[in-house]
Amino acid sequence: MSTRLPEHDHCRSCGDPVPFEQAYCSEDCYWKDQARIKKEKNNNIIFIAATTASVLVILAIGAFL
């Protein structure tokens, strides 16, 4: 026999059950997730900049050959 759980969602940071109107189980989880999002955004910017620089270097080398 299966037990029916009350309607709930899960914390975006740690996955603990939370009511639907909440996204996080605690303020600590909120700030940890905000730091993760910021780090991910910065990593994406660095990746795009490095890729662009690499393409420009390859094009410049090709223009001189």
Protein backbone atom coordinates (compact mmCIF):
# COMPACT_ATOMS: atom_id res chain seq x y z
CA MET A 1 0.00 0.00 0.00
CA SER A 2 1.44 3.38 -0.97
CA THR A 3 1.38 6.37 1.34
CA ARG A 4 0.12 9.61 -0.15
CA LEU A 5 2.36 12.62 0.51
CA PRO A 6 0.93 16.12 0.93
CA GLU A 7 1.32 18.46 -2.06
CA HIS A 8 4.84 19.88 -2.01
CA ASP A 9 7.77 21.04 -4.09
CA HIS A 10 11.51 20.66 -3.49
CA CYS A 11 14.15 23.16 -2.42
CA ARG A 12 16.12 24.40 -5.43
CA SER A 13 19.37 24.05 -3.53
CA CYS A 14 19.25 20.92 -1.36
CA GLY A 15 16.13 19.12 -2.58
CA ASP A 16 14.32 18.99 0.77
CA PRO A 17 10.50 19.12 0.58
CA VAL A 18 9.00 22.62 0.83
CA PRO A 19 5.47 24.03 0.37
CA PHE A 20 4.56 25.09 -3.20
CA GLU A 21 4.82 28.80 -2.44
CA GLN A 22 8.45 28.45 -1.33
CA ALA A 23 11.45 27.90 -3.56
CA TYR A 24 13.98 27.27 -0.78
CA CYS A 25 13.82 25.56 2.62
CA SER A 26 15.98 28.19 4.34
CA GLU A 27 17.74 31.48 3.80
CA ASP A 28 21.06 29.61 3.81
CA CYS A 29 19.91 27.50 0.84
CA TYR A 30 18.77 30.67 -0.96
CA TRP A 31 22.19 32.32 -0.63
CA LYS A 32 24.05 29.12 -1.56
CA ASP A 33 21.97 28.85 -4.73
CA GLN A 34 22.50 32.53 -5.56
CA ALA A 35 26.28 32.00 -5.25
CA ARG A 36 26.05 28.92 -7.50
CA ILE A 37 24.07 30.87 -10.11
CA LYS A 38 26.57 33.75 -10.03
CA LYS A 39 29.53 31.36 -10.39
CA GLU A 40 27.83 29.56 -13.29
CA LYS A 41 27.13 32.89 -15.01
CA ASN A 42 30.76 34.00 -14.59
CA ASN A 43 32.02 30.66 -15.94
CA ASN A 44 29.80 31.08 -19.02
CA ILE A 45 31.14 34.58 -19.63
CA ILE A 46 34.75 33.34 -19.31
CA PHE A 47 34.03 30.45 -21.69
CA ILE A 48 32.50 32.77 -24.31
CA ALA A 49 35.40 35.24 -24.00
CA ALA A 50 38.01 32.48 -24.32
CA THR A 51 36.24 30.94 -27.30
CA THR A 52 35.96 34.31 -29.03
CA ALA A 53 39.62 35.07 -28.38
CA SER A 54 40.64 31.67 -29.74
CA VAL A 55 38.63 32.17 -32.92
CA LEU A 56 40.14 35.64 -33.42
CA VAL A 57 43.69 34.27 -32.94
CA ILE A 58 43.02 31.47 -35.45
CA LEU A 59 41.60 33.96 -37.96
CA ALA A 60 44.55 36.31 -37.46
CA ILE A 61 47.05 33.50 -37.97
CA GLY A 62 45.18 32.40 -41.10
CA ALA A 63 45.25 35.92 -42.51
CA PHE A 64 49.07 36.09 -42.24
CA LEU A 65 49.73 32.72 -43.86
